[in-house]
Every structure is written in C-alpha cells, then in structure tokens.
C-alpha atoms as a PDB file:
ATOM      1  CA  LYS A   1     -11.419  54.572 -11.422  1.00  0.00           C
ATOM      2  CA  MET A   2     -13.709  52.246 -13.348  1.00  0.00           C
ATOM      3  CA  THR A   3     -11.210  49.808 -13.799  1.00  0.00           C
ATOM      4  CA  ARG A   4     -11.205  50.009 -10.096  1.00  0.00           C
ATOM      5  CA  MET A   5     -14.507  49.112  -9.636  1.00  0.00           C
ATOM      6  CA  SER A   6     -14.915  46.703 -12.279  1.00  0.00           C
ATOM      7  CA  SER A   7     -11.491  45.057 -10.387  1.00  0.00           C
ATOM      8  CA  SER A   8     -12.897  45.281  -7.206  1.00  0.00           C
ATOM      9  CA  ARG A   9     -16.887  43.697  -8.311  1.00  0.00           C
ATOM     10  CA  TYR A  10     -15.157  40.775 -10.247  1.00  0.00           C
ATOM     11  CA  SER A  11     -12.745  40.093  -6.968  1.00  0.00           C
ATOM     12  CA  ARG A  12     -16.426  39.557  -4.618  1.00  0.00           C
ATOM     13  CA  TRP A  13     -18.103  37.647  -7.297  1.00  0.00           C
ATOM     14  CA  ALA A  14     -15.020  35.015  -7.509  1.00  0.00           C
ATOM     15  CA  ILE A  15     -14.934  35.058  -3.575  1.00  0.00           C
ATOM     16  CA  LEU A  16     -18.696  34.311  -3.669  1.00  0.00           C
ATOM     17  CA  ALA A  17     -18.172  31.524  -6.021  1.00  0.00           C
ATOM     18  CA  ALA A  18     -15.391  30.164  -3.886  1.00  0.00           C
ATOM     19  CA  VAL A  19     -17.369  30.546  -0.937  1.00  0.00           C
ATOM     20  CA  ALA A  20     -20.684  28.454  -2.628  1.00  0.00           C
ATOM     21  CA  LEU A  21     -18.263  25.954  -4.236  1.00  0.00           C
ATOM     22  CA  LEU A  22     -17.238  24.890  -1.102  1.00  0.00           C
ATOM     23  CA  ALA A  23     -20.051  24.815   0.697  1.00  0.00           C
ATOM     24  CA  PHE A  24     -21.645  22.686  -2.308  1.00  0.00           C
ATOM     25  CA  ALA A  25     -18.879  20.363  -1.529  1.00  0.00           C
ATOM     26  CA  ALA A  26     -19.356  20.194   2.199  1.00  0.00           C
ATOM     27  CA  ALA A  27     -22.898  19.473   1.397  1.00  0.00           C
ATOM     28  CA  GLY A  28     -22.481  16.840  -0.715  1.00  0.00           C
ATOM     29  CA  THR A  29     -20.252  14.991   1.367  1.00  0.00           C
ATOM     30  CA  ALA A  30     -22.376  15.501   4.362  1.00  0.00           C
ATOM     31  CA  VAL A  31     -25.944  14.041   2.791  1.00  0.00           C
ATOM     32  CA  ALA A  32     -23.792  10.651   1.611  1.00  0.00           C
ATOM     33  CA  VAL A  33     -24.423   7.462   3.453  1.00  0.00           C
ATOM     34  CA  GLN A  34     -21.170   6.524   5.711  1.00  0.00           C
ATOM     35  CA  VAL A  35     -19.429   3.543   6.689  1.00  0.00           C
ATOM     36  CA  THR A  36     -19.015   3.967  10.278  1.00  0.00           C
ATOM     37  CA  ASP A  37     -17.252   0.938  10.905  1.00  0.00           C
ATOM     38  CA  GLU A  38     -15.960  -2.113   9.162  1.00  0.00           C
ATOM     39  CA  ASP A  39     -14.557  -5.305   9.643  1.00  0.00           C
ATOM     40  CA  VAL A  40     -12.485  -6.035   6.541  1.00  0.00           C
ATOM     41  CA  PRO A  41      -9.703  -8.684   6.537  1.00  0.00           C
ATOM     42  CA  ASN A  42      -6.852  -7.200   4.493  1.00  0.00           C
ATOM     43  CA  GLU A  43      -5.268 -10.681   2.796  1.00  0.00           C
ATOM     44  CA  GLU A  44      -6.890 -14.266   2.814  1.00  0.00           C
ATOM     45  CA  GLN A  45      -5.276 -17.136   0.800  1.00  0.00           C
ATOM     46  CA  VAL A  46      -7.285 -18.380  -2.075  1.00  0.00           C
ATOM     47  CA  GLY A  47     -10.029 -21.159  -1.711  1.00  0.00           C
ATOM     48  CA  GLU A  48      -9.809 -20.233   2.122  1.00  0.00           C
ATOM     49  CA  ASP A  49     -13.252 -18.900   3.890  1.00  0.00           C
ATOM     50  CA  TYR A  50     -13.671 -15.863   4.088  1.00  0.00           C
ATOM     51  CA  SER A  51     -15.789 -12.819   6.162  1.00  0.00           C
ATOM     52  CA  ALA A  52     -16.749  -9.241   6.344  1.00  0.00           C
ATOM     53  CA  THR A  53     -18.628  -6.537   8.063  1.00  0.00           C
ATOM     54  CA  MET A  54     -19.489  -2.963   7.094  1.00  0.00           C
ATOM     55  CA  THR A  55     -21.766  -0.954   8.843  1.00  0.00           C
ATOM     56  CA  LEU A  56     -23.617   2.122   7.273  1.00  0.00           C
ATOM     57  CA  GLY A  57     -24.828   5.328   9.053  1.00  0.00           C
ATOM     58  CA  GLU A  58     -26.702   8.755   7.797  1.00  0.00           C
ATOM     59  CA  LEU A  59     -29.226   6.546   5.991  1.00  0.00           C
ATOM     60  CA  TYR A  60     -32.117   9.448   4.967  1.00  0.00           C
ATOM     61  CA  GLN A  61     -29.462  12.846   4.621  1.00  0.00           C
ATOM     62  CA  ASN A  62     -29.969  12.815   1.038  1.00  0.00           C
ATOM     63  CA  PRO A  63     -33.321  14.034   0.955  1.00  0.00           C
ATOM     64  CA  ASP A  64     -33.833  12.433  -2.585  1.00  0.00           C
ATOM     65  CA  TYR A  65     -33.047   8.804  -0.947  1.00  0.00           C
ATOM     66  CA  THR A  66     -35.728   8.525   2.058  1.00  0.00           C
ATOM     67  CA  SER A  67     -36.415   5.066   0.576  1.00  0.00           C
ATOM     68  CA  TRP A  68     -34.029   3.179  -1.155  1.00  0.00           C
ATOM     69  CA  THR A  69     -32.587  -0.161  -2.163  1.00  0.00           C
ATOM     70  CA  LEU A  70     -28.954  -1.333  -0.826  1.00  0.00           C
ATOM     71  CA  ARG A  71     -27.533  -3.440  -3.895  1.00  0.00           C
ATOM     72  CA  GLY A  72     -24.546  -5.406  -2.906  1.00  0.00           C
ATOM     73  CA  GLU A  73     -21.649  -7.180  -5.284  1.00  0.00           C
ATOM     74  CA  THR A  74     -18.700  -9.213  -4.808  1.00  0.00           C
ATOM     75  CA  GLU A  75     -15.815 -11.494  -6.106  1.00  0.00           C
ATOM     76  CA  LEU A  76     -16.595 -13.770  -3.354  1.00  0.00           C
ATOM     77  CA  GLU A  77     -17.513 -17.085  -4.331  1.00  0.00           C
ATOM     78  CA  ASP A  78     -20.372 -19.698  -2.271  1.00  0.00           C
ATOM     79  CA  VAL A  79     -21.292 -16.591  -0.873  1.00  0.00           C
ATOM     80  CA  THR A  80     -23.928 -15.378   1.995  1.00  0.00           C
ATOM     81  CA  TRP A  81     -25.273 -12.078   2.498  1.00  0.00           C
ATOM     82  CA  THR A  82     -26.686 -10.862   5.769  1.00  0.00           C
ATOM     83  CA  VAL A  83     -28.394  -7.484   6.268  1.00  0.00           C
ATOM     84  CA  THR A  84     -29.824  -6.297   9.522  1.00  0.00           C
ATOM     85  CA  THR A  85     -31.516  -2.812  10.258  1.00  0.00           C
ATOM     86  CA  THR A  86     -31.300  -0.880  13.313  1.00  0.00           C
ATOM     87  CA  ASP A  87     -32.761   1.345  15.495  1.00  0.00           C
ATOM     88  CA  THR A  88     -29.639   3.245  17.215  1.00  0.00           C
ATOM     89  CA  ASP A  89     -31.765   5.520  19.451  1.00  0.00           C
ATOM     90  CA  THR A  90     -33.231   2.105  20.776  1.00  0.00           C
ATOM     91  CA  GLY A  91     -31.014  -0.263  20.244  1.00  0.00           C
ATOM     92  CA  ASN A  92     -34.049  -2.687  18.784  1.00  0.00           C
ATOM     93  CA  GLN A  93     -33.526  -4.913  15.747  1.00  0.00           C
ATOM     94  CA  ILE A  94     -35.621  -3.783  13.181  1.00  0.00           C
ATOM     95  CA  ASP A  95     -35.523  -6.408  10.107  1.00  0.00           C
ATOM     96  CA  ARG A  96     -32.592  -9.137   9.633  1.00  0.00           C
ATOM     97  CA  GLN A  97     -32.814 -11.134   5.963  1.00  0.00           C
ATOM     98  CA  SER A  98     -30.051 -13.338   4.178  1.00  0.00           C
ATOM     99  CA  PHE A  99     -29.323 -13.553   0.371  1.00  0.00           C
ATOM    100  CA  ASP A 100     -27.204 -16.354  -1.435  1.00  0.00           C
ATOM    101  CA  GLY A 101     -25.197 -14.911  -4.715  1.00  0.00           C
ATOM    102  CA  GLN A 102     -22.679 -12.589  -5.779  1.00  0.00           C
ATOM    103  CA  THR A 103     -25.196  -9.937  -5.643  1.00  0.00           C
ATOM    104  CA  PHE A 104     -28.172  -8.616  -3.647  1.00  0.00           C
ATOM    105  CA  ASN A 105     -30.919  -6.327  -3.654  1.00  0.00           C
ATOM    106  CA  TYR A 106     -32.063  -5.488   0.130  1.00  0.00           C
ATOM    107  CA  SER A 107     -35.450  -2.670  -0.539  1.00  0.00           C
ATOM    108  CA  ASN A 108     -36.349  -2.222   3.420  1.00  0.00           C
ATOM    109  CA  ILE A 109     -34.632   0.957   3.639  1.00  0.00           C
ATOM    110  CA  ASP A 110     -37.402   3.470   4.119  1.00  0.00           C
ATOM    111  CA  ALA A 111     -37.565   6.736   6.738  1.00  0.00           C
ATOM    112  CA  GLU A 112     -41.594   6.687   6.928  1.00  0.00           C
ATOM    113  CA  ALA A 113     -41.816   2.930   7.047  1.00  0.00           C
ATOM    114  CA  ASN A 114     -39.393   2.016  10.211  1.00  0.00           C
ATOM    115  CA  ASP A 115     -37.112   3.159  12.507  1.00  0.00           C
ATOM    116  CA  ALA A 116     -34.161   2.076  11.092  1.00  0.00           C
ATOM    117  CA  ASN A 117     -31.203   4.507  10.944  1.00  0.00           C
ATOM    118  CA  GLN A 118     -28.384   1.571  10.881  1.00  0.00           C
ATOM    119  CA  VAL A 119     -27.581  -1.368   8.201  1.00  0.00           C
ATOM    120  CA  THR A 120     -24.769  -3.884   8.580  1.00  0.00           C
ATOM    121  CA  VAL A 121     -23.942  -5.878   5.822  1.00  0.00           C
ATOM    122  CA  GLU A 122     -22.220  -9.316   6.266  1.00  0.00           C
ATOM    123  CA  VAL A 123     -21.004 -10.958   3.588  1.00  0.00           C
ATOM    124  CA  THR A 124     -19.481 -14.505   3.881  1.00  0.00           C
ATOM    125  CA  GLY A 125     -17.831 -16.786   0.767  1.00  0.00           C
ATOM    126  CA  THR A 126     -14.846 -18.216  -0.309  1.00  0.00           C
ATOM    127  CA  VAL A 127     -11.877 -16.236  -1.587  1.00  0.00           C
ATOM    128  CA  PRO A 128     -11.862 -16.643  -5.345  1.00  0.00           C
ATOM    129  CA  GLY A 129      -8.620 -17.348  -7.832  1.00  0.00           C
ATOM    130  CA  VAL A 130      -6.109 -15.048  -8.460  1.00  0.00           C
ATOM    131  CA  GLU A 131      -6.389 -14.178 -12.726  1.00  0.00           C
ATOM    132  CA  ASN A 132      -3.456 -11.436 -13.237  1.00  0.00           C
ATOM    133  CA  PHE A 133      -0.397 -11.376 -11.001  1.00  0.00           C
ATOM    134  CA  THR A 134       1.038  -8.073 -10.710  1.00  0.00           C
ATOM    135  CA  TYR A 135       4.052  -6.911  -8.767  1.00  0.00           C
ATOM    136  CA  PRO A 136       4.923  -4.839  -7.062  1.00  0.00           C
ATOM    137  CA  ASP A 137       1.107  -3.847  -6.879  1.00  0.00           C
ATOM    138  CA  GLU A 138      -0.814  -6.818  -4.948  1.00  0.00           C
ATOM    139  CA  GLU A 139      -3.528  -8.678  -6.427  1.00  0.00           C
ATOM    140  CA  LYS A 140      -6.800  -7.964  -4.922  1.00  0.00           C
ATOM    141  CA  PHE A 141     -10.197  -9.238  -5.176  1.00  0.00           C
ATOM    142  CA  VAL A 142     -13.542  -6.749  -4.688  1.00  0.00           C
ATOM    143  CA  VAL A 143     -14.732  -7.863  -0.972  1.00  0.00           C
ATOM    144  CA  GLY A 144     -18.205  -6.216  -1.654  1.00  0.00           C
ATOM    145  CA  ASN A 145     -19.241  -2.983  -3.330  1.00  0.00           C
ATOM    146  CA  LEU A 146     -22.334  -1.327  -2.347  1.00  0.00           C
ATOM    147  CA  THR A 147     -24.535   1.345  -3.869  1.00  0.00           C
ATOM    148  CA  GLN A 148     -27.661   3.326  -2.952  1.00  0.00           C
ATOM    149  CA  VAL A 149     -30.468   2.501  -5.662  1.00  0.00           C
ATOM    150  CA  ARG A 150     -33.446   4.838  -5.495  1.00  0.00           C
ATOM    151  CA  GLU A 151     -36.707   3.742  -7.473  1.00  0.00           C
ATOM    152  CA  GLY A 152     -36.192   5.061 -10.916  1.00  0.00           C
ATOM    153  CA  GLY A 153     -32.559   3.482 -11.274  1.00  0.00           C
ATOM    154  CA  THR A 154     -30.283   6.736 -10.049  1.00  0.00           C
ATOM    155  CA  SER A 155     -27.543   5.274  -7.889  1.00  0.00           C
ATOM    156  CA  ASN A 156     -24.753   6.326  -5.568  1.00  0.00           C
ATOM    157  CA  GLU A 157     -21.434   4.586  -5.170  1.00  0.00           C
ATOM    158  CA  ILE A 158     -21.491   4.155  -0.983  1.00  0.00           C
ATOM    159  CA  ALA A 159     -17.770   1.898  -0.640  1.00  0.00           C
ATOM    160  CA  THR A 160     -16.051  -0.464  -2.391  1.00  0.00           C
ATOM    161  CA  LYS A 161     -13.733  -2.824  -0.054  1.00  0.00           C
ATOM    162  CA  ARG A 162     -11.081  -4.580  -1.672  1.00  0.00           C
ATOM    163  CA  ALA A 163      -8.196  -7.674  -0.390  1.00  0.00           C
ATOM    164  CA  HIS A 164      -4.950  -9.084  -1.446  1.00  0.00           C
ATOM    165  CA  HIS A 165      -5.551 -12.675  -2.073  1.00  0.00           C
ATOM    166  CA  PHE A 166      -2.652 -15.104  -3.083  1.00  0.00           C
ATOM    167  CA  THR A 167      -1.828 -18.834  -3.025  1.00  0.00           C
ATOM    168  CA  GLU A 168       0.905 -20.529  -0.887  1.00  0.00           C
ATOM    169  CA  GLU A 169       3.452 -20.896  -3.753  1.00  0.00           C
ATOM    170  CA  SER A 170       2.817 -17.094  -5.260  1.00  0.00           C
ATOM    171  CA  GLN A 171       3.066 -15.786  -1.739  1.00  0.00           C
ATOM    172  CA  ALA A 172       6.460 -17.422  -1.183  1.00  0.00           C
ATOM    173  CA  ALA A 173       7.551 -16.273  -4.423  1.00  0.00           C
ATOM    174  CA  ARG A 174       6.410 -12.338  -3.699  1.00  0.00           C
ATOM    175  CA  GLN A 175       8.368 -12.679  -0.115  1.00  0.00           C
ATOM    176  CA  ALA A 176      11.752 -14.262  -2.156  1.00  0.00           C
ATOM    177  CA  ILE A 177      11.186 -10.976  -4.747  1.00  0.00           C
ATOM    178  CA  GLY A 178      10.919  -8.908  -1.576  1.00  0.00           C
ATOM    179  CA  GLU A 179      14.434 -10.280  -0.136  1.00  0.00           C
ATOM    180  CA  ALA A 180      15.729  -9.989  -2.978  1.00  0.00           C
ATOM    181  CA  GLU A 181      15.002  -6.288  -3.558  1.00  0.00           C
ATOM    182  CA  GLN A 182      16.244  -5.855  -0.020  1.00  0.00           C
ATOM    183  CA  ALA A 183      19.752  -7.393  -0.954  1.00  0.00           C
ATOM    184  CA  ILE A 184      20.201  -5.548  -3.817  1.00  0.00           C
ATOM    185  CA  GLU A 185      19.484  -2.112  -1.868  1.00  0.00           C
ATOM    186  CA  ASP A 186      21.943  -3.344   0.526  1.00  0.00           C
ATOM    187  CA  ALA A 187      24.617  -4.175  -1.907  1.00  0.00           C
ATOM    188  CA  ASP A 188      24.079  -0.793  -3.929  1.00  0.00           C
ATOM    189  CA  SER A 189      24.430   1.125  -0.688  1.00  0.00           C
ATOM    190  CA  ALA A 190      27.613  -0.177   0.216  1.00  0.00           C
ATOM    191  CA  GLY A 191      28.791   0.773  -3.169  1.00  0.00           C
ATOM    192  CA  GLY A 192      28.698  -3.024  -5.173  1.00  0.00           C
ATOM    193  CA  ASP A 193      27.813  -3.642  -8.815  1.00  0.00           C
ATOM    194  CA  THR A 194      24.308  -5.113  -8.495  1.00  0.00           C
ATOM    195  CA  SER A 195      23.695  -5.495 -12.442  1.00  0.00           C
ATOM    196  CA  THR A 196      23.507  -9.073 -12.307  1.00  0.00           C
ATOM    197  CA  ALA A 197      21.740  -9.215  -9.628  1.00  0.00           C
ATOM    198  CA  GLU A 198      19.076  -6.723 -10.660  1.00  0.00           C
ATOM    199  CA  SER A 199      18.824  -8.651 -14.155  1.00  0.00           C
ATOM    200  CA  SER A 200      17.800 -11.979 -12.161  1.00  0.00           C
ATOM    201  CA  LEU A 201      15.337  -9.590 -10.501  1.00  0.00           C
ATOM    202  CA  GLU A 202      13.912  -8.307 -13.167  1.00  0.00           C
ATOM    203  CA  SER A 203      13.443 -12.194 -14.586  1.00  0.00           C
ATOM    204  CA  ALA A 204      11.858 -13.342 -11.496  1.00  0.00           C
ATOM    205  CA  ILE A 205       9.579 -10.595 -11.591  1.00  0.00           C
ATOM    206  CA  SER A 206       8.372 -11.475 -15.293  1.00  0.00           C
ATOM    207  CA  VAL A 207       8.045 -14.878 -14.195  1.00  0.00           C
ATOM    208  CA  TYR A 208       6.192 -14.095 -11.178  1.00  0.00           C
ATOM    209  CA  GLU A 209       3.366 -12.362 -13.427  1.00  0.00           C
ATOM    210  CA  SER A 210       3.227 -14.576 -16.026  1.00  0.00           C
ATOM    211  CA  GLY A 211       1.939 -17.143 -12.916  1.00  0.00           C
ATOM    212  CA  SER A 212       3.465 -19.849 -15.023  1.00  0.00           C
ATOM    213  CA  SER A 213       5.639 -21.181 -12.148  1.00  0.00           C
ATOM    214  CA  PHE A 214       6.044 -19.213  -9.084  1.00  0.00           C
ATOM    215  CA  GLY A 215       8.602 -22.074  -8.098  1.00  0.00           C
ATOM    216  CA  GLU A 216      11.161 -20.520 -10.730  1.00  0.00           C
ATOM    217  CA  ALA A 217      10.155 -16.763  -9.844  1.00  0.00           C
ATOM    218  CA  GLN A 218      11.567 -17.813  -6.332  1.00  0.00           C
ATOM    219  CA  ASN A 219      14.592 -19.329  -7.779  1.00  0.00           C
ATOM    220  CA  LEU A 220      15.570 -16.262  -9.764  1.00  0.00           C
ATOM    221  CA  ALA A 221      14.923 -14.414  -6.387  1.00  0.00           C
ATOM    222  CA  ASP A 222      16.813 -16.371  -4.441  1.00  0.00           C
ATOM    223  CA  ARG A 223      19.913 -15.808  -7.188  1.00  0.00           C
ATOM    224  CA  ALA A 224      19.232 -12.114  -7.407  1.00  0.00           C
ATOM    225  CA  GLN A 225      19.659 -12.235  -3.359  1.00  0.00           C
ATOM    226  CA  GLU A 226      22.701 -14.400  -3.549  1.00  0.00           C
ATOM    227  CA  GLU A 227      24.035 -12.050  -6.303  1.00  0.00           C
ATOM    228  CA  ALA A 228      23.669  -9.080  -4.285  1.00  0.00           C
ATOM    229  CA  ASN A 229      24.902 -10.507  -1.293  1.00  0.00           C
ATOM    230  CA  THR A 230      28.116 -11.428  -3.415  1.00  0.00           C
ATOM    231  CA  ALA A 231      27.932  -7.879  -4.678  1.00  0.00           C
ATOM    232  CA  LYS A 232      28.129  -6.588  -1.430  1.00  0.00           C
ATOM    233  CA  SER A 233      30.832  -8.788   0.253  1.00  0.00           C
ATOM    234  CA  ASN A 234      32.754  -7.836  -2.772  1.00  0.00           C
ATOM    235  CA  ALA A 235      32.374  -4.324  -2.418  1.00  0.00           C
ATOM    236  CA  GLU A 236      33.360  -4.508   1.878  1.00  0.00           C
ATOM    237  CA  SER A 237      36.562  -6.790   0.765  1.00  0.00           C
ATOM    238  CA  THR A 238      37.441  -4.028  -1.585  1.00  0.00           C
ATOM    239  CA  GLU A 239      36.622  -1.317   1.014  1.00  0.00           C
ATOM    240  CA  GLN A 240      38.410  -3.350   3.779  1.00  0.00           C
ATOM    241  CA  ARG A 241      41.682  -4.106   1.235  1.00  0.00           C
ATOM    242  CA  ASN A 242      42.030  -0.267   0.385  1.00  0.00           C
ATOM    243  CA  GLN A 243      41.654   1.073   4.427  1.00  0.00           C
ATOM    244  CA  LEU A 244      44.313  -1.484   4.854  1.00  0.00           C
ATOM    245  CA  LEU A 245      46.396  -0.250   1.575  1.00  0.00           C
ATOM    246  CA  LEU A 246      45.609   3.270   2.874  1.00  0.00           C
ATOM    247  CA  TYR A 247      46.930   2.620   6.553  1.00  0.00           C
ATOM    248  CA  ALA A 248      50.168   0.983   4.971  1.00  0.00           C
ATOM    249  CA  GLY A 249      50.873   3.711   3.125  1.00  0.00           C
ATOM    250  CA  VAL A 250      50.647   6.224   6.098  1.00  0.00           C
ATOM    251  CA  GLY A 251      52.455   3.644   8.149  1.00  0.00           C
ATOM    252  CA  VAL A 252      55.306   3.821   5.531  1.00  0.00           C
ATOM    253  CA  VAL A 253      55.384   7.722   5.729  1.00  0.00           C
ATOM    254  CA  LEU A 254      55.340   7.677   9.400  1.00  0.00           C
ATOM    255  CA  VAL A 255      58.390   5.456   9.150  1.00  0.00           C
ATOM    256  CA  ALA A 256      60.118   7.169   6.528  1.00  0.00           C
ATOM    257  CA  LEU A 257      59.401  10.383   8.797  1.00  0.00           C
ATOM    258  CA  ILE A 258      60.767   8.773  11.767  1.00  0.00           C
ATOM    259  CA  GLY A 259      63.602   7.555  10.143  1.00  0.00           C
ATOM    260  CA  GLY A 260      64.649  10.909   8.266  1.00  0.00           C
ATOM    261  CA  GLY A 261      63.891  12.434  11.819  1.00  0.00           C
ATOM    262  CA  PHE A 262      66.556  10.799  13.405  1.00  0.00           C
ATOM    263  CA  TYR A 263      68.834  10.782  10.928  1.00  0.00           C
ATOM    264  CA  TRP A 264      68.557  14.346  11.126  1.00  0.00           C
ATOM    265  CA  TYR A 265      69.023  14.142  14.837  1.00  0.00           C
ATOM    266  CA  ARG A 266      72.256  12.089  14.421  1.00  0.00           C
ATOM    267  CA  GLN A 267      73.702  14.444  12.211  1.00  0.00           C
ATOM    268  CA  GLN A 268      72.806  17.453  13.880  1.00  0.00           C
ATOM    269  CA  GLN A 269      74.807  15.518  17.154  1.00  0.00           C
ATOM    270  CA  ASP A 270      77.584  14.768  14.693  1.00  0.00           C
ATOM    271  CA  ASP A 271      77.815  18.140  13.453  1.00  0.00           C
ATOM    272  CA  TYR A 272      78.107  19.743  17.434  1.00  0.00           C
ATOM    273  CA  SER A 273      80.406  16.974  18.049  1.00  0.00           C
ATOM    274  CA  ARG A 274      82.742  17.963  15.730  1.00  0.00           C
ATOM    275  CA  LEU A 275      82.574  21.968  16.785  1.00  0.00           C
ATOM    276  CA  GLY A 276      83.086  20.979  20.351  1.00  0.00           C
END
C-alpha cells in the first residue's frame, strides 16, 4: 500500500514537473523579439550589390529588456544600415538612423522613452568573396546577425540570416556537377555500370572544393555526365539485345511446337488412311 502511494505521489510530481517545463518553454518563446517580416534574397553573385530587410516586433515582451540596444553584424562589404522605428498603432515613424560599416549599435529602443513597437532594419552592401567552396552544401555568407543587448552586457540573439554567394565560374561548375549526378542516377537506375562516371564526378567535386580551377571541375563533371550517358546507353542496348534474344528464343520454340504439331497431325492422318 505504501509502495502504491509513493508511486502515485512520484507520478504526480513528474506530471507537474513536465507541465512546468512546458510552461517555461512556452514563456521563453513568447518573450523573445520576433522577426515579423523579412525580404532576404536567397543568393547573389560575388561583387554584386545586395539588399535585405528584416522587421522586428514584440520588442518589450521580456520584462528584463524594456530598454535595450540593437546590434547588427554582416559579412557584406561597403555596408550601409538603415534602422527605422515605428508605432504600428498610429502608423507614425518614430526615428530613422543610418550607419556605415559591418557592425552597428542602435540604442533608441525604450518602452518608456517613445512609442516605437516595431523596428525595420535594412542592410545594403556588396556580396563578399567565397573563402571556402563546398559541395553539395552551398557556400553562404552572413547577411545580418541581429542581437538584443541590455545595459550591463547580457544579450539575446534575435536572428541570423544567410545567403548563397558564388562566382560565375563556380556556379557553372556546380551546375555541371549537379547534371552529372543526375546522369549517374539515371544510368544506375537503368542498370548501367557507373563506376567510371562516379570516379570522374569525385574528381570534379574535389577540384571544385579546392577552388583552384572551376573550368577543370566543369570539364571533369561533363566527362562524368558523358560516361554516365554511355553506361546508360550500353545498359539499354544490352537490355534490348536480351529482349530480342528472348523473343527469338520464344519464336524458335513456337516454330518447333507448330512444326511438331503439324507433323503429329500428318502422322495421324496417315494412320487413319492406312486403317481405312
């Protein structure tokens, strides 16, 4: 009886603890600053102009952050940030400031000092070069990392947005590698021997990731695609030949059966004639 009571008491505590944890998790989610809208292009070529916008809401849900600084960082080059605060209840713009450089700090976010309840951050700059090329993962740079900073040094990360960057040559090589992968998959499905094509593809990816020669990587990928197409064609030709041989074999059997049946029929006719 005591065992049952202890077990029941333990179960109740376990349920209460689980509920408390869920409530804490929900509360933690509710008090965070939210990205309510964004316009962040997925990719752009190295050296091209780039612009992205992020809008923040729920600015003061955390009671410990009723007055705080917005910090921004980016890997874009030749950067300009524009930060605009708005009172969405009235539609009035409260403040607008611009900053140059890859980082900024905007400190005019205060629940008591103004009526701003929305912050819009626009960042414009030039897409940086690629330091490390990877495949199949796309090479990405940090468009914007936004952090909520409270006086005293404590902080919360709000969001980090990234985008794919590439050169004209790297993009062409990446596309060729992707086409070679598809050709190998098609050849493999057809029953072809893709070992040679796979070896060429591995070489293409290795050269691509080294960043030494995208032209060579593309040539190797094109070779892999041709080898895969040949393997597929050979497999299909073998399949067709096997089908023809099968049909021929079936034909021979049918001819033999027909011939045998005709011979048997003639024998039967001859036997009836002699008996008559």
